[in-house]
Amino acid sequence: MSNNQNYASTEEVRQHFDVIRNATGDSFNGWDWIKYVAYPVSAGILVNDGNSYRLSKLGLSYLSFMKKSPQLIDELTKL
């Protein structure tokens, strides 16, 4: 999203979820793309614009913070 003017179509989000689900084995069993995107939307990181999603100001801030703190990304994989 950050490479696409902070935007992704609903279809792109669905495709991304399929890639992640297939790459992680059983981690997302029983999940669909709506459940996958629900937390970032409810937390205010993403905004649903009908047929697309965009990063909110909070989402942009979060990405900026994570780029400055790459060690935190490594810690997320342990969760």
Protein backbone atom coordinates (compact mmCIF):
# COMPACT_ATOMS: atom_id res chain seq x y z
CA MET A 1 0.00 0.00 0.00
CA SER A 2 2.78 2.41 0.83
CA ASN A 3 4.09 1.91 -2.72
CA ASN A 4 0.66 2.54 -4.25
CA GLN A 5 -0.34 5.96 -2.89
CA ASN A 6 -1.43 4.31 0.40
CA TYR A 7 -4.26 2.52 -1.39
CA ALA A 8 -5.30 -1.06 -2.21
CA SER A 9 -8.42 -2.24 -3.97
CA THR A 10 -10.61 -4.81 -2.26
CA GLU A 11 -9.41 -7.38 -4.80
CA GLU A 12 -5.77 -6.59 -3.99
CA VAL A 13 -6.48 -7.08 -0.29
CA ARG A 14 -8.17 -10.42 -1.03
CA GLN A 15 -5.23 -11.55 -3.15
CA HIS A 16 -2.74 -10.45 -0.49
CA PHE A 17 -4.62 -12.45 2.14
CA ASP A 18 -4.54 -15.55 -0.09
CA VAL A 19 -0.77 -15.21 -0.50
CA ILE A 20 -0.24 -14.78 3.26
CA ARG A 21 -2.59 -17.65 4.13
CA ASN A 22 -0.84 -19.99 1.69
CA ALA A 23 2.60 -18.99 2.97
CA THR A 24 1.84 -19.50 6.66
CA GLY A 25 0.37 -23.00 6.69
CA ASP A 26 -2.22 -23.50 9.41
CA SER A 27 -1.90 -20.04 10.98
CA PHE A 28 -4.98 -18.69 9.21
CA ASN A 29 -7.18 -21.80 9.11
CA GLY A 30 -10.80 -20.74 9.39
CA TRP A 31 -10.00 -17.15 8.44
CA ASP A 32 -11.22 -15.22 5.43
CA TRP A 33 -9.93 -11.92 4.09
CA ILE A 34 -12.62 -9.98 5.96
CA LYS A 35 -11.47 -11.32 9.32
CA TYR A 36 -7.86 -10.64 8.28
CA VAL A 37 -8.53 -6.96 7.53
CA ALA A 38 -10.96 -6.43 10.44
CA TYR A 39 -8.33 -5.54 13.05
CA PRO A 40 -6.44 -2.91 11.04
CA VAL A 41 -9.78 -1.32 10.12
CA SER A 42 -11.16 -1.39 13.68
CA ALA A 43 -7.85 -0.06 15.04
CA GLY A 44 -7.95 2.84 12.61
CA ILE A 45 -4.87 1.80 10.64
CA LEU A 46 -6.87 1.21 7.46
CA VAL A 47 -9.98 2.96 6.22
CA ASN A 48 -12.53 1.16 4.07
CA ASP A 49 -13.56 3.40 1.18
CA GLY A 50 -16.20 1.06 -0.23
CA ASN A 51 -14.29 -0.79 -2.94
CA SER A 52 -10.85 -0.06 -1.57
CA TYR A 53 -8.76 0.42 1.54
CA ARG A 54 -6.34 3.21 2.32
CA LEU A 55 -3.87 3.88 5.07
CA SER A 56 -5.16 6.38 7.61
CA LYS A 57 -2.97 9.02 9.24
CA LEU A 58 -2.49 6.55 12.09
CA GLY A 59 -1.54 3.84 9.59
CA LEU A 60 1.00 6.11 7.93
CA SER A 61 2.44 6.99 11.32
CA TYR A 62 2.64 3.31 12.27
CA LEU A 63 4.51 2.46 9.06
CA SER A 64 6.93 5.31 9.64
CA PHE A 65 7.57 4.11 13.20
CA MET A 66 8.11 0.50 12.09
CA LYS A 67 10.56 1.58 9.37
CA LYS A 68 12.62 3.29 12.09
CA SER A 69 12.38 0.23 14.38
CA PRO A 70 13.01 -2.87 12.23
CA GLN A 71 13.87 -4.95 15.27
CA LEU A 72 10.21 -4.75 16.28
CA ILE A 73 9.20 -6.40 13.02
CA ASP A 74 11.40 -9.38 13.93
CA GLU A 75 9.68 -9.56 17.32
CA LEU A 76 6.24 -9.69 15.68
CA THR A 77 7.12 -12.97 13.99
CA LYS A 78 7.55 -14.58 17.42
CA LEU A 79 3.97 -13.82 18.45
